[in-house]
Full PDB file with SEQRES, HELIX, SHEET, SSBOND, CRYST1, ORIGX, SCALE, CONECT and MASTER records, all heavy atoms in Angstrom:
SEQRES   1 A   39  THR LEU PHE GLN VAL THR HIS ILE THR PRO SER PRO VAL          
SEQRES   2 A   39  ILE ILE ILE GLN GLU GLU SER LEU ILE TYR LEU LEU GLN          
SEQRES   3 A   39  PRO GLY LYS HIS ARG LEU HIS VAL ASP THR GLY LEU GLU          
HELIX    1 AA1 VAL A    5  HIS A    7  5                                   3    
SHEET    1 AA1 2 ILE A  15  GLN A  17  0                                        
SHEET    2 AA1 2 SER A  20  ILE A  22 -1                                        
CRYST1    1.000    1.000    1.000  90.00  90.00  90.00 P 1           1          
ORIGX1      1.000000  0.000000  0.000000        0.00000                         
ORIGX2      0.000000  1.000000  0.000000        0.00000                         
ORIGX3      0.000000  0.000000  1.000000        0.00000                         
SCALE1      1.000000  0.000000  0.000000        0.00000                         
SCALE2      0.000000  1.000000  0.000000        0.00000                         
SCALE3      0.000000  0.000000  1.000000        0.00000                         
ATOM      1  N   THR A   1      43.333 -30.884 -34.450  1.00  0.00           N  
ATOM      2  CA  THR A   1      43.901 -30.128 -35.571  1.00  0.00           C  
ATOM      3  C   THR A   1      42.856 -29.887 -36.654  1.00  0.00           C  
ATOM      4  O   THR A   1      42.819 -28.802 -37.248  1.00  0.00           O  
ATOM      5  CB  THR A   1      45.125 -30.868 -36.148  1.00  0.00           C  
ATOM      6  OG1 THR A   1      46.171 -30.869 -35.177  1.00  0.00           O  
ATOM      7  CG2 THR A   1      45.623 -30.207 -37.422  1.00  0.00           C  
ATOM      8  N   LEU A   2      41.991 -30.859 -36.899  1.00  0.00           N  
ATOM      9  CA  LEU A   2      40.958 -30.666 -37.919  1.00  0.00           C  
ATOM     10  C   LEU A   2      40.031 -29.512 -37.561  1.00  0.00           C  
ATOM     11  O   LEU A   2      39.485 -28.844 -38.444  1.00  0.00           O  
ATOM     12  CB  LEU A   2      40.155 -31.957 -38.113  1.00  0.00           C  
ATOM     13  CG  LEU A   2      40.899 -33.144 -38.724  1.00  0.00           C  
ATOM     14  CD1 LEU A   2      39.939 -34.298 -38.978  1.00  0.00           C  
ATOM     15  CD2 LEU A   2      41.620 -32.754 -40.008  1.00  0.00           C  
ATOM     16  N   PHE A   3      39.846 -29.271 -36.259  1.00  0.00           N  
ATOM     17  CA  PHE A   3      39.008 -28.150 -35.836  1.00  0.00           C  
ATOM     18  C   PHE A   3      39.705 -26.807 -36.069  1.00  0.00           C  
ATOM     19  O   PHE A   3      39.054 -25.766 -36.087  1.00  0.00           O  
ATOM     20  CB  PHE A   3      38.636 -28.293 -34.360  1.00  0.00           C  
ATOM     21  CG  PHE A   3      37.455 -29.189 -34.118  1.00  0.00           C  
ATOM     22  CD1 PHE A   3      37.609 -30.570 -34.118  1.00  0.00           C  
ATOM     23  CD2 PHE A   3      36.195 -28.661 -33.909  1.00  0.00           C  
ATOM     24  CE1 PHE A   3      36.521 -31.408 -33.905  1.00  0.00           C  
ATOM     25  CE2 PHE A   3      35.104 -29.481 -33.695  1.00  0.00           C  
ATOM     26  CZ  PHE A   3      35.263 -30.867 -33.698  1.00  0.00           C  
ATOM     27  N   GLN A   4      41.014 -26.830 -36.227  1.00  0.00           N  
ATOM     28  CA  GLN A   4      41.761 -25.607 -36.462  1.00  0.00           C  
ATOM     29  C   GLN A   4      41.995 -25.323 -37.947  1.00  0.00           C  
ATOM     30  O   GLN A   4      42.462 -24.237 -38.313  1.00  0.00           O  
ATOM     31  CB  GLN A   4      43.120 -25.687 -35.755  1.00  0.00           C  
ATOM     32  CG  GLN A   4      43.020 -25.907 -34.253  1.00  0.00           C  
ATOM     33  CD  GLN A   4      44.380 -26.130 -33.626  1.00  0.00           C  
ATOM     34  OE1 GLN A   4      45.270 -25.301 -33.741  1.00  0.00           O  
ATOM     35  NE2 GLN A   4      44.553 -27.268 -32.971  1.00  0.00           N  
ATOM     36  N   VAL A   5      41.687 -26.297 -38.791  1.00  0.00           N  
ATOM     37  CA  VAL A   5      42.046 -26.232 -40.204  1.00  0.00           C  
ATOM     38  C   VAL A   5      41.479 -25.001 -40.902  1.00  0.00           C  
ATOM     39  O   VAL A   5      42.157 -24.385 -41.744  1.00  0.00           O  
ATOM     40  CB  VAL A   5      41.597 -27.531 -40.918  1.00  0.00           C  
ATOM     41  CG1 VAL A   5      41.452 -27.322 -42.421  1.00  0.00           C  
ATOM     42  CG2 VAL A   5      42.609 -28.643 -40.660  1.00  0.00           C  
ATOM     43  N   THR A   6      40.238 -24.626 -40.572  1.00  0.00           N  
ATOM     44  CA  THR A   6      39.628 -23.501 -41.294  1.00  0.00           C  
ATOM     45  C   THR A   6      40.380 -22.196 -41.060  1.00  0.00           C  
ATOM     46  O   THR A   6      40.237 -21.256 -41.851  1.00  0.00           O  
ATOM     47  CB  THR A   6      38.159 -23.312 -40.880  1.00  0.00           C  
ATOM     48  OG1 THR A   6      38.078 -23.152 -39.464  1.00  0.00           O  
ATOM     49  CG2 THR A   6      37.325 -24.514 -41.309  1.00  0.00           C  
ATOM     50  N   HIS A   7      41.170 -22.133 -40.000  1.00  0.00           N  
ATOM     51  CA  HIS A   7      41.968 -20.942 -39.723  1.00  0.00           C  
ATOM     52  C   HIS A   7      43.366 -21.038 -40.346  1.00  0.00           C  
ATOM     53  O   HIS A   7      44.159 -20.098 -40.224  1.00  0.00           O  
ATOM     54  CB  HIS A   7      42.100 -20.723 -38.217  1.00  0.00           C  
ATOM     55  CG  HIS A   7      40.784 -20.620 -37.509  1.00  0.00           C  
ATOM     56  ND1 HIS A   7      39.915 -19.574 -37.717  1.00  0.00           N  
ATOM     57  CD2 HIS A   7      40.181 -21.447 -36.626  1.00  0.00           C  
ATOM     58  CE1 HIS A   7      38.839 -19.746 -36.975  1.00  0.00           C  
ATOM     59  NE2 HIS A   7      38.968 -20.872 -36.308  1.00  0.00           N  
ATOM     60  N   ILE A   8      43.668 -22.183 -40.977  1.00  0.00           N  
ATOM     61  CA  ILE A   8      45.002 -22.419 -41.531  1.00  0.00           C  
ATOM     62  C   ILE A   8      44.991 -22.442 -43.052  1.00  0.00           C  
ATOM     63  O   ILE A   8      45.841 -21.839 -43.708  1.00  0.00           O  
ATOM     64  CB  ILE A   8      45.582 -23.754 -40.992  1.00  0.00           C  
ATOM     65  CG1 ILE A   8      45.712 -23.706 -39.469  1.00  0.00           C  
ATOM     66  CG2 ILE A   8      46.930 -24.058 -41.640  1.00  0.00           C  
ATOM     67  CD1 ILE A   8      46.107 -25.044 -38.860  1.00  0.00           C  
ATOM     68  N   THR A   9      44.033 -23.162 -43.626  1.00  0.00           N  
ATOM     69  CA  THR A   9      44.021 -23.379 -45.074  1.00  0.00           C  
ATOM     70  C   THR A   9      42.589 -23.438 -45.581  1.00  0.00           C  
ATOM     71  O   THR A   9      41.697 -23.938 -44.871  1.00  0.00           O  
ATOM     72  CB  THR A   9      44.752 -24.686 -45.438  1.00  0.00           C  
ATOM     73  OG1 THR A   9      44.622 -24.931 -46.855  1.00  0.00           O  
ATOM     74  CG2 THR A   9      44.196 -25.873 -44.679  1.00  0.00           C  
ATOM     75  N   PRO A  10      42.333 -22.960 -46.799  1.00  0.00           N  
ATOM     76  CA  PRO A  10      40.999 -23.118 -47.386  1.00  0.00           C  
ATOM     77  C   PRO A  10      40.753 -24.519 -47.934  1.00  0.00           C  
ATOM     78  O   PRO A  10      39.616 -24.860 -48.269  1.00  0.00           O  
ATOM     79  CB  PRO A  10      41.000 -22.085 -48.522  1.00  0.00           C  
ATOM     80  CG  PRO A  10      42.442 -21.969 -48.916  1.00  0.00           C  
ATOM     81  CD  PRO A  10      43.225 -22.132 -47.642  1.00  0.00           C  
ATOM     82  N   SER A  11      41.807 -25.335 -48.015  1.00  0.00           N  
ATOM     83  CA  SER A  11      41.679 -26.685 -48.576  1.00  0.00           C  
ATOM     84  C   SER A  11      41.125 -27.656 -47.536  1.00  0.00           C  
ATOM     85  O   SER A  11      41.523 -27.606 -46.367  1.00  0.00           O  
ATOM     86  CB  SER A  11      43.040 -27.191 -49.057  1.00  0.00           C  
ATOM     87  OG  SER A  11      43.613 -26.318 -50.000  1.00  0.00           O  
ATOM     88  N   PRO A  12      40.223 -28.547 -47.932  1.00  0.00           N  
ATOM     89  CA  PRO A  12      39.785 -29.590 -47.005  1.00  0.00           C  
ATOM     90  C   PRO A  12      40.950 -30.508 -46.649  1.00  0.00           C  
ATOM     91  O   PRO A  12      41.826 -30.769 -47.478  1.00  0.00           O  
ATOM     92  CB  PRO A  12      38.699 -30.333 -47.788  1.00  0.00           C  
ATOM     93  CG  PRO A  12      38.922 -29.991 -49.211  1.00  0.00           C  
ATOM     94  CD  PRO A  12      39.570 -28.649 -49.248  1.00  0.00           C  
ATOM     95  N   VAL A  13      40.958 -30.985 -45.414  1.00  0.00           N  
ATOM     96  CA  VAL A  13      42.020 -31.865 -44.928  1.00  0.00           C  
ATOM     97  C   VAL A  13      41.396 -33.178 -44.487  1.00  0.00           C  
ATOM     98  O   VAL A  13      40.467 -33.188 -43.663  1.00  0.00           O  
ATOM     99  CB  VAL A  13      42.789 -31.227 -43.757  1.00  0.00           C  
ATOM    100  CG1 VAL A  13      43.841 -32.202 -43.216  1.00  0.00           C  
ATOM    101  CG2 VAL A  13      43.449 -29.919 -44.191  1.00  0.00           C  
ATOM    102  N   ILE A  14      41.880 -34.279 -45.036  1.00  0.00           N  
ATOM    103  CA  ILE A  14      41.454 -35.598 -44.584  1.00  0.00           C  
ATOM    104  C   ILE A  14      42.637 -36.298 -43.929  1.00  0.00           C  
ATOM    105  O   ILE A  14      43.798 -35.991 -44.217  1.00  0.00           O  
ATOM    106  CB  ILE A  14      40.899 -36.467 -45.735  1.00  0.00           C  
ATOM    107  CG1 ILE A  14      41.988 -36.774 -46.773  1.00  0.00           C  
ATOM    108  CG2 ILE A  14      39.698 -35.799 -46.390  1.00  0.00           C  
ATOM    109  CD1 ILE A  14      41.558 -37.812 -47.811  1.00  0.00           C  
ATOM    110  N   ILE A  15      42.325 -37.207 -43.024  1.00  0.00           N  
ATOM    111  CA  ILE A  15      43.340 -38.030 -42.388  1.00  0.00           C  
ATOM    112  C   ILE A  15      43.016 -39.488 -42.696  1.00  0.00           C  
ATOM    113  O   ILE A  15      41.875 -39.935 -42.515  1.00  0.00           O  
ATOM    114  CB  ILE A  15      43.386 -37.816 -40.865  1.00  0.00           C  
ATOM    115  CG1 ILE A  15      43.645 -36.341 -40.539  1.00  0.00           C  
ATOM    116  CG2 ILE A  15      44.465 -38.702 -40.234  1.00  0.00           C  
ATOM    117  CD1 ILE A  15      43.643 -36.043 -39.035  1.00  0.00           C  
ATOM    118  N   ILE A  16      44.016 -40.216 -43.165  1.00  0.00           N  
ATOM    119  CA  ILE A  16      43.871 -41.621 -43.531  1.00  0.00           C  
ATOM    120  C   ILE A  16      44.893 -42.445 -42.773  1.00  0.00           C  
ATOM    121  O   ILE A  16      46.064 -42.057 -42.672  1.00  0.00           O  
ATOM    122  CB  ILE A  16      44.094 -41.824 -45.046  1.00  0.00           C  
ATOM    123  CG1 ILE A  16      42.976 -41.172 -45.857  1.00  0.00           C  
ATOM    124  CG2 ILE A  16      44.209 -43.302 -45.399  1.00  0.00           C  
ATOM    125  CD1 ILE A  16      43.231 -41.195 -47.361  1.00  0.00           C  
ATOM    126  N   GLN A  17      44.462 -43.557 -42.225  1.00  0.00           N  
ATOM    127  CA  GLN A  17      45.398 -44.553 -41.723  1.00  0.00           C  
ATOM    128  C   GLN A  17      44.738 -45.923 -41.762  1.00  0.00           C  
ATOM    129  O   GLN A  17      43.623 -46.105 -41.268  1.00  0.00           O  
ATOM    130  CB  GLN A  17      45.867 -44.244 -40.305  1.00  0.00           C  
ATOM    131  CG  GLN A  17      46.971 -45.203 -39.860  1.00  0.00           C  
ATOM    132  CD  GLN A  17      47.784 -44.686 -38.689  1.00  0.00           C  
ATOM    133  OE1 GLN A  17      47.445 -43.689 -38.061  1.00  0.00           O  
ATOM    134  NE2 GLN A  17      48.873 -45.375 -38.392  1.00  0.00           N  
ATOM    135  N   GLU A  18      45.447 -46.862 -42.383  1.00  0.00           N  
ATOM    136  CA  GLU A  18      44.965 -48.227 -42.528  1.00  0.00           C  
ATOM    137  C   GLU A  18      43.568 -48.229 -43.133  1.00  0.00           C  
ATOM    138  O   GLU A  18      43.377 -47.773 -44.250  1.00  0.00           O  
ATOM    139  CB  GLU A  18      45.050 -48.950 -41.178  1.00  0.00           C  
ATOM    140  CG  GLU A  18      46.485 -49.057 -40.672  1.00  0.00           C  
ATOM    141  CD  GLU A  18      46.583 -49.664 -39.292  1.00  0.00           C  
ATOM    142  OE1 GLU A  18      45.538 -49.883 -38.653  1.00  0.00           O  
ATOM    143  OE2 GLU A  18      47.714 -49.908 -38.838  1.00  0.00           O  
ATOM    144  N   GLU A  19      42.549 -48.710 -42.400  1.00  0.00           N  
ATOM    145  CA  GLU A  19      41.219 -48.823 -42.999  1.00  0.00           C  
ATOM    146  C   GLU A  19      40.308 -47.646 -42.663  1.00  0.00           C  
ATOM    147  O   GLU A  19      39.116 -47.675 -42.977  1.00  0.00           O  
ATOM    148  CB  GLU A  19      40.538 -50.110 -42.528  1.00  0.00           C  
ATOM    149  CG  GLU A  19      40.214 -50.144 -41.042  1.00  0.00           C  
ATOM    150  CD  GLU A  19      39.364 -51.346 -40.659  1.00  0.00           C  
ATOM    151  OE1 GLU A  19      38.971 -52.106 -41.560  1.00  0.00           O  
ATOM    152  OE2 GLU A  19      39.101 -51.511 -39.455  1.00  0.00           O  
ATOM    153  N   SER A  20      40.836 -46.590 -42.047  1.00  0.00           N  
ATOM    154  CA  SER A  20      39.989 -45.498 -41.579  1.00  0.00           C  
ATOM    155  C   SER A  20      40.325 -44.167 -42.239  1.00  0.00           C  
ATOM    156  O   SER A  20      41.482 -43.865 -42.514  1.00  0.00           O  
ATOM    157  CB  SER A  20      40.121 -45.331 -40.059  1.00  0.00           C  
ATOM    158  OG  SER A  20      39.661 -46.479 -39.383  1.00  0.00           O  
ATOM    159  N   LEU A  21      39.279 -43.361 -42.436  1.00  0.00           N  
ATOM    160  CA  LEU A  21      39.398 -41.980 -42.892  1.00  0.00           C  
ATOM    161  C   LEU A  21      38.536 -41.111 -41.983  1.00  0.00           C  
ATOM    162  O   LEU A  21      37.435 -41.511 -41.590  1.00  0.00           O  
ATOM    163  CB  LEU A  21      38.930 -41.838 -44.335  1.00  0.00           C  
ATOM    164  CG  LEU A  21      38.904 -40.428 -44.950  1.00  0.00           C  
ATOM    165  CD1 LEU A  21      39.172 -40.502 -46.451  1.00  0.00           C  
ATOM    166  CD2 LEU A  21      37.573 -39.709 -44.714  1.00  0.00           C  
ATOM    167  N   ILE A  22      39.045 -39.901 -41.650  1.00  0.00           N  
ATOM    168  CA  ILE A  22      38.220 -38.923 -40.951  1.00  0.00           C  
ATOM    169  C   ILE A  22      38.295 -37.589 -41.668  1.00  0.00           C  
ATOM    170  O   ILE A  22      39.309 -37.244 -42.283  1.00  0.00           O  
ATOM    171  CB  ILE A  22      38.600 -38.767 -39.459  1.00  0.00           C  
ATOM    172  CG1 ILE A  22      40.005 -38.195 -39.278  1.00  0.00           C  
ATOM    173  CG2 ILE A  22      38.438 -40.080 -38.708  1.00  0.00           C  
ATOM    174  CD1 ILE A  22      40.343 -37.837 -37.832  1.00  0.00           C  
ATOM    175  N   TYR A  23      37.192 -36.849 -41.572  1.00  0.00           N  
ATOM    176  CA  TYR A  23      37.068 -35.543 -42.224  1.00  0.00           C  
ATOM    177  C   TYR A  23      36.041 -34.741 -41.441  1.00  0.00           C  
ATOM    178  O   TYR A  23      34.959 -35.265 -41.122  1.00  0.00           O  
ATOM    179  CB  TYR A  23      36.624 -35.736 -43.681  1.00  0.00           C  
ATOM    180  CG  TYR A  23      36.220 -34.485 -44.404  1.00  0.00           C  
ATOM    181  CD1 TYR A  23      37.102 -33.420 -44.542  1.00  0.00           C  
ATOM    182  CD2 TYR A  23      34.947 -34.370 -44.977  1.00  0.00           C  
ATOM    183  CE1 TYR A  23      36.722 -32.260 -45.227  1.00  0.00           C  
ATOM    184  CE2 TYR A  23      34.574 -33.226 -45.666  1.00  0.00           C  
ATOM    185  CZ  TYR A  23      35.469 -32.172 -45.786  1.00  0.00           C  
ATOM    186  OH  TYR A  23      35.093 -31.043 -46.458  1.00  0.00           O  
ATOM    187  N   LEU A  24      36.360 -33.510 -41.108  1.00  0.00           N  
ATOM    188  CA  LEU A  24      35.462 -32.699 -40.299  1.00  0.00           C  
ATOM    189  C   LEU A  24      34.501 -31.920 -41.190  1.00  0.00           C  
ATOM    190  O   LEU A  24      34.919 -31.076 -41.989  1.00  0.00           O  
ATOM    191  CB  LEU A  24      36.258 -31.743 -39.407  1.00  0.00           C  
ATOM    192  CG  LEU A  24      35.413 -30.969 -38.388  1.00  0.00           C  
ATOM    193  CD1 LEU A  24      34.798 -31.923 -37.362  1.00  0.00           C  
ATOM    194  CD2 LEU A  24      36.261 -29.908 -37.690  1.00  0.00           C  
ATOM    195  N   LEU A  25      33.207 -32.197 -41.027  1.00  0.00           N  
ATOM    196  CA  LEU A  25      32.174 -31.464 -41.745  1.00  0.00           C  
ATOM    197  C   LEU A  25      31.879 -30.167 -40.997  1.00  0.00           C  
ATOM    198  O   LEU A  25      31.569 -30.182 -39.810  1.00  0.00           O  
ATOM    199  CB  LEU A  25      30.892 -32.300 -41.823  1.00  0.00           C  
ATOM    200  CG  LEU A  25      31.004 -33.688 -42.466  1.00  0.00           C  
ATOM    201  CD1 LEU A  25      29.672 -34.423 -42.347  1.00  0.00           C  
ATOM    202  CD2 LEU A  25      31.439 -33.587 -43.914  1.00  0.00           C  
ATOM    203  N   GLN A  26      31.973 -29.046 -41.697  1.00  0.00           N  
ATOM    204  CA  GLN A  26      31.644 -27.761 -41.098  1.00  0.00           C  
ATOM    205  C   GLN A  26      30.121 -27.569 -41.104  1.00  0.00           C  
ATOM    206  O   GLN A  26      29.395 -28.242 -41.837  1.00  0.00           O  
ATOM    207  CB  GLN A  26      32.334 -26.636 -41.864  1.00  0.00           C  
ATOM    208  CG  GLN A  26      33.852 -26.701 -41.826  1.00  0.00           C  
ATOM    209  CD  GLN A  26      34.411 -26.609 -40.412  1.00  0.00           C  
ATOM    210  OE1 GLN A  26      33.872 -25.885 -39.556  1.00  0.00           O  
ATOM    211  NE2 GLN A  26      35.487 -27.331 -40.154  1.00  0.00           N  
ATOM    212  N   PRO A  27      29.603 -26.657 -40.289  1.00  0.00           N  
ATOM    213  CA  PRO A  27      28.156 -26.422 -40.293  1.00  0.00           C  
ATOM    214  C   PRO A  27      27.643 -26.109 -41.701  1.00  0.00           C  
ATOM    215  O   PRO A  27      28.273 -25.357 -42.449  1.00  0.00           O  
ATOM    216  CB  PRO A  27      28.003 -25.212 -39.364  1.00  0.00           C  
ATOM    217  CG  PRO A  27      29.182 -25.303 -38.443  1.00  0.00           C  
ATOM    218  CD  PRO A  27      30.299 -25.838 -39.291  1.00  0.00           C  
ATOM    219  N   GLY A  28      26.514 -26.724 -42.051  1.00  0.00           N  
ATOM    220  CA  GLY A  28      25.947 -26.525 -43.375  1.00  0.00           C  
ATOM    221  C   GLY A  28      25.535 -27.839 -44.005  1.00  0.00           C  
ATOM    222  O   GLY A  28      25.363 -28.857 -43.315  1.00  0.00           O  
ATOM    223  N   LYS A  29      25.401 -27.817 -45.341  1.00  0.00           N  
ATOM    224  CA  LYS A  29      24.954 -28.987 -46.094  1.00  0.00           C  
ATOM    225  C   LYS A  29      26.122 -29.595 -46.868  1.00  0.00           C  
ATOM    226  O   LYS A  29      26.898 -28.872 -47.487  1.00  0.00           O  
ATOM    227  CB  LYS A  29      23.845 -28.588 -47.074  1.00  0.00           C  
ATOM    228  CG  LYS A  29      22.587 -28.051 -46.399  1.00  0.00           C  
ATOM    229  CD  LYS A  29      21.539 -27.675 -47.430  1.00  0.00           C  
ATOM    230  CE  LYS A  29      20.271 -27.148 -46.766  1.00  0.00           C  
ATOM    231  NZ  LYS A  29      19.236 -26.775 -47.761  1.00  0.00           N  
ATOM    232  N   HIS A  30      26.203 -30.897 -46.844  1.00  0.00           N  
ATOM    233  CA  HIS A  30      27.303 -31.618 -47.497  1.00  0.00           C  
ATOM    234  C   HIS A  30      26.740 -32.765 -48.334  1.00  0.00           C  
ATOM    235  O   HIS A  30      25.803 -33.444 -47.925  1.00  0.00           O  
ATOM    236  CB  HIS A  30      28.274 -32.182 -46.454  1.00  0.00           C  
ATOM    237  CG  HIS A  30      28.859 -31.131 -45.561  1.00  0.00           C  
ATOM    238  ND1 HIS A  30      30.063 -30.525 -45.822  1.00  0.00           N  
ATOM    239  CD2 HIS A  30      28.386 -30.570 -44.413  1.00  0.00           C  
ATOM    240  CE1 HIS A  30      30.316 -29.638 -44.877  1.00  0.00           C  
ATOM    241  NE2 HIS A  30      29.322 -29.651 -44.014  1.00  0.00           N  
ATOM    242  N   ARG A  31      27.365 -32.963 -49.498  1.00  0.00           N  
ATOM    243  CA  ARG A  31      27.048 -34.109 -50.350  1.00  0.00           C  
ATOM    244  C   ARG A  31      28.330 -34.923 -50.513  1.00  0.00           C  
ATOM    245  O   ARG A  31      29.280 -34.472 -51.165  1.00  0.00           O  
ATOM    246  CB  ARG A  31      26.514 -33.643 -51.708  1.00  0.00           C  
ATOM    247  CG  ARG A  31      26.262 -34.778 -52.709  1.00  0.00           C  
ATOM    248  CD  ARG A  31      25.647 -34.244 -53.987  1.00  0.00           C  
ATOM    249  NE  ARG A  31      24.307 -33.743 -53.733  1.00  0.00           N  
ATOM    250  CZ  ARG A  31      23.198 -34.483 -53.846  1.00  0.00           C  
ATOM    251  NH1 ARG A  31      23.273 -35.748 -54.230  1.00  0.00           N  
ATOM    252  NH2 ARG A  31      22.022 -33.944 -53.613  1.00  0.00           N  
ATOM    253  N   LEU A  32      28.364 -36.089 -49.914  1.00  0.00           N  
ATOM    254  CA  LEU A  32      29.543 -36.953 -49.935  1.00  0.00           C  
ATOM    255  C   LEU A  32      29.318 -38.064 -50.959  1.00  0.00           C  
ATOM    256  O   LEU A  32      28.364 -38.842 -50.840  1.00  0.00           O  
ATOM    257  CB  LEU A  32      29.787 -37.556 -48.550  1.00  0.00           C  
ATOM    258  CG  LEU A  32      29.953 -36.558 -47.398  1.00  0.00           C  
ATOM    259  CD1 LEU A  32      30.083 -37.296 -46.074  1.00  0.00           C  
ATOM    260  CD2 LEU A  32      31.170 -35.672 -47.630  1.00  0.00           C  
ATOM    261  N   HIS A  33      30.203 -38.120 -51.939  1.00  0.00           N  
ATOM    262  CA  HIS A  33      30.116 -39.181 -52.945  1.00  0.00           C  
ATOM    263  C   HIS A  33      30.879 -40.407 -52.429  1.00  0.00           C  
ATOM    264  O   HIS A  33      32.075 -40.342 -52.160  1.00  0.00           O  
ATOM    265  CB  HIS A  33      30.691 -38.688 -54.271  1.00  0.00           C  
ATOM    266  CG  HIS A  33      29.880 -37.589 -54.886  1.00  0.00           C  
ATOM    267  ND1 HIS A  33      28.786 -37.822 -55.684  1.00  0.00           N  
ATOM    268  CD2 HIS A  33      29.989 -36.236 -54.780  1.00  0.00           C  
ATOM    269  CE1 HIS A  33      28.253 -36.672 -56.064  1.00  0.00           C  
ATOM    270  NE2 HIS A  33      28.967 -35.694 -55.525  1.00  0.00           N  
ATOM    271  N   VAL A  34      30.151 -41.491 -52.287  1.00  0.00           N  
ATOM    272  CA  VAL A  34      30.723 -42.719 -51.708  1.00  0.00           C  
ATOM    273  C   VAL A  34      30.546 -43.875 -52.680  1.00  0.00           C  
ATOM    274  O   VAL A  34      30.143 -44.987 -52.313  1.00  0.00           O  
ATOM    275  CB  VAL A  34      30.080 -43.027 -50.335  1.00  0.00           C  
ATOM    276  CG1 VAL A  34      30.485 -41.991 -49.309  1.00  0.00           C  
ATOM    277  CG2 VAL A  34      28.538 -43.063 -50.441  1.00  0.00           C  
ATOM    278  N   ASP A  35      30.888 -43.585 -53.945  1.00  0.00           N  
ATOM    279  CA  ASP A  35      30.692 -44.567 -55.013  1.00  0.00           C  
ATOM    280  C   ASP A  35      31.977 -44.830 -55.782  1.00  0.00           C  
ATOM    281  O   ASP A  35      31.951 -45.171 -56.961  1.00  0.00           O  
ATOM    282  CB  ASP A  35      29.604 -44.091 -55.970  1.00  0.00           C  
ATOM    283  CG  ASP A  35      29.879 -42.691 -56.537  1.00  0.00           C  
ATOM    284  OD1 ASP A  35      30.883 -42.068 -56.120  1.00  0.00           O  
ATOM    285  OD2 ASP A  35      29.099 -42.222 -57.388  1.00  0.00           O  
ATOM    286  N   THR A  36      33.130 -44.683 -55.125  1.00  0.00           N  
ATOM    287  CA  THR A  36      34.405 -44.896 -55.815  1.00  0.00           C  
ATOM    288  C   THR A  36      34.750 -46.371 -55.948  1.00  0.00           C  
ATOM    289  O   THR A  36      35.635 -46.734 -56.721  1.00  0.00           O  
ATOM    290  CB  THR A  36      35.555 -44.212 -55.059  1.00  0.00           C  
ATOM    291  OG1 THR A  36      35.724 -44.849 -53.781  1.00  0.00           O  
ATOM    292  CG2 THR A  36      35.278 -42.722 -54.853  1.00  0.00           C  
ATOM    293  N   GLY A  37      34.098 -47.223 -55.169  1.00  0.00           N  
ATOM    294  CA  GLY A  37      34.456 -48.636 -55.129  1.00  0.00           C  
ATOM    295  C   GLY A  37      35.501 -48.952 -54.082  1.00  0.00           C  
ATOM    296  O   GLY A  37      35.845 -50.121 -53.868  1.00  0.00           O  
ATOM    297  N   LEU A  38      36.009 -47.916 -53.434  1.00  0.00           N  
ATOM    298  CA  LEU A  38      37.034 -48.099 -52.402  1.00  0.00           C  
ATOM    299  C   LEU A  38      36.447 -48.053 -50.991  1.00  0.00           C  
ATOM    300  O   LEU A  38      37.173 -48.263 -50.009  1.00  0.00           O  
ATOM    301  CB  LEU A  38      38.115 -47.017 -52.535  1.00  0.00           C  
ATOM    302  CG  LEU A  38      38.850 -46.967 -53.871  1.00  0.00           C  
ATOM    303  CD1 LEU A  38      39.801 -45.772 -53.902  1.00  0.00           C  
ATOM    304  CD2 LEU A  38      39.618 -48.260 -54.110  1.00  0.00           C  
ATOM    305  N   GLU A  39      35.158 -47.771 -50.897  1.00  0.00           N  
ATOM    306  CA  GLU A  39      34.530 -47.654 -49.589  1.00  0.00           C  
ATOM    307  C   GLU A  39      34.387 -49.021 -48.921  1.00  0.00           C  
ATOM    308  O   GLU A  39      34.052 -50.021 -49.576  1.00  0.00           O  
ATOM    309  CB  GLU A  39      33.139 -47.019 -49.714  1.00  0.00           C  
ATOM    310  CG  GLU A  39      33.153 -45.560 -50.135  1.00  0.00           C  
ATOM    311  CD  GLU A  39      33.387 -45.359 -51.620  1.00  0.00           C  
ATOM    312  OE1 GLU A  39      33.289 -46.351 -52.369  1.00  0.00           O  
ATOM    313  OE2 GLU A  39      33.682 -44.215 -52.034  1.00  0.00           O  
TER     314      GLU A  39                                                      
MASTER        0    0    0    1    2    0    0    6  313    1    0    3          
END                                                                             
C-alpha cells in the first residue's frame, strides 16, 4: 500500500505498530530528523 500512496494522496503516510515505524522514501534526497527523544 505504501508503494501506491503517491497515486492516492499527496500526504506522507507512516505505519506504526508497537516498537516499529515504516515509511517509504521516494527517489531523491531526504533529511530525516531523528532527535525527538522517542527514537
